[in-house]
Amino acid sequence: MTPHISLSRCTKALSSYVLTDAADLDLEKVSRYSSDEEAFRQLWLTFFDHIAIESRKNPGLQMQLIPKRYWADTPEYSRFC
C-alpha cells in the first residue's frame, strides 16, 4: 500500500526543482572558474595563510579530517591534490 501524499504538498515540494537532461553539458566550461571566482579563491587563500599559526600547521591532520572528495573543491586543500 502506498502512503497518501496530498497533491498540494507534492506540487509545492516539486516547484523548487527542475529536471533537465545533462547529456549536452560541456564539462570543460563547467570546470573553469570565472574571474570573480578566482579572485575570491585567492582572497580566501591569503586570509587562510595569514591567520594560520605557523607552529600549529599540520596538513596531514587537516587532510585526515576533511573527506578526500572535497579536496579539489576546497581552495586550501587543492594545493595538496
Protein backbone atom coordinates (compact mmCIF):
# COMPACT_ATOMS: atom_id res chain seq x y z
CA MET A 1 0.00 0.00 0.00
CA THR A 2 1.44 3.40 -0.96
CA PRO A 3 1.31 6.24 1.54
CA HIS A 4 -1.16 9.03 0.87
CA ILE A 5 0.53 12.27 -0.27
CA SER A 6 -1.57 15.36 -0.71
CA LEU A 7 -1.28 16.88 -4.19
CA SER A 8 -0.82 20.43 -2.92
CA ARG A 9 2.09 19.32 -0.73
CA CYS A 10 3.72 17.43 -3.60
CA THR A 11 3.31 20.35 -6.02
CA LYS A 12 4.87 22.74 -3.53
CA ALA A 13 7.84 20.43 -2.98
CA LEU A 14 8.41 19.88 -6.70
CA SER A 15 8.12 23.55 -7.64
CA SER A 16 11.68 24.26 -6.39
CA TYR A 17 13.29 21.68 -8.65
CA VAL A 18 13.66 21.38 -12.39
CA LEU A 19 14.73 18.15 -14.03
CA THR A 20 16.98 18.63 -17.05
CA ASP A 21 18.92 16.46 -19.45
CA ALA A 22 22.66 16.98 -18.86
CA ALA A 23 23.78 14.92 -21.86
CA ASP A 24 24.83 18.07 -23.74
CA LEU A 25 26.57 19.63 -20.75
CA ASP A 26 30.05 20.93 -21.62
CA LEU A 27 32.14 19.69 -18.68
CA GLU A 28 35.14 21.76 -19.75
CA LYS A 29 33.17 25.02 -19.38
CA VAL A 30 31.70 23.91 -16.07
CA SER A 31 35.12 23.10 -14.63
CA ARG A 32 36.59 26.55 -15.38
CA TYR A 33 36.22 29.33 -12.85
CA SER A 34 35.10 32.88 -13.59
CA SER A 35 37.50 35.72 -12.89
CA ASP A 36 35.42 36.64 -9.82
CA GLU A 37 35.66 33.07 -8.52
CA GLU A 38 39.44 33.07 -8.99
CA ALA A 39 39.71 36.40 -7.16
CA PHE A 40 37.69 35.08 -4.22
CA ARG A 41 39.74 31.86 -4.12
CA GLN A 42 42.95 33.91 -3.96
CA LEU A 43 41.44 36.19 -1.31
CA TRP A 44 40.45 33.16 0.78
CA LEU A 45 43.92 31.58 0.44
CA THR A 46 45.56 34.83 1.52
CA PHE A 47 43.27 35.03 4.56
CA PHE A 48 43.81 31.34 5.36
CA ASP A 49 47.60 31.70 5.16
CA HIS A 50 47.70 34.82 7.32
CA ILE A 51 45.51 33.57 10.16
CA ALA A 52 47.31 30.23 10.42
CA ILE A 53 49.65 29.78 13.37
CA GLU A 54 52.89 28.54 11.83
CA SER A 55 53.79 26.23 14.71
CA ARG A 56 50.36 24.57 14.56
CA LYS A 57 50.29 23.80 10.84
CA ASN A 58 49.55 20.13 10.33
CA PRO A 59 48.50 19.41 6.72
CA GLY A 60 48.35 15.67 7.40
CA LEU A 61 45.76 16.14 10.14
CA GLN A 62 43.81 18.65 8.04
CA MET A 63 43.65 16.19 5.18
CA GLN A 64 42.58 13.44 7.58
CA LEU A 65 39.66 15.49 8.93
CA ILE A 66 38.19 16.55 5.57
CA PRO A 67 36.87 13.80 3.26
CA LYS A 68 39.04 13.40 0.18
CA ARG A 69 36.13 14.00 -2.21
CA TYR A 70 36.02 17.66 -1.07
CA TRP A 71 39.72 18.43 -1.51
CA ALA A 72 39.51 19.51 -5.15
CA ASP A 73 36.71 21.99 -4.35
CA THR A 74 38.36 23.46 -1.26
CA PRO A 75 41.00 26.08 -2.14
CA GLU A 76 43.28 25.37 0.83
CA TYR A 77 43.31 21.64 0.08
CA SER A 78 43.61 21.93 -3.69
CA ARG A 79 47.32 22.59 -3.11
CA PHE A 80 47.66 19.01 -1.83
CA CYS A 81 45.86 17.41 -4.80
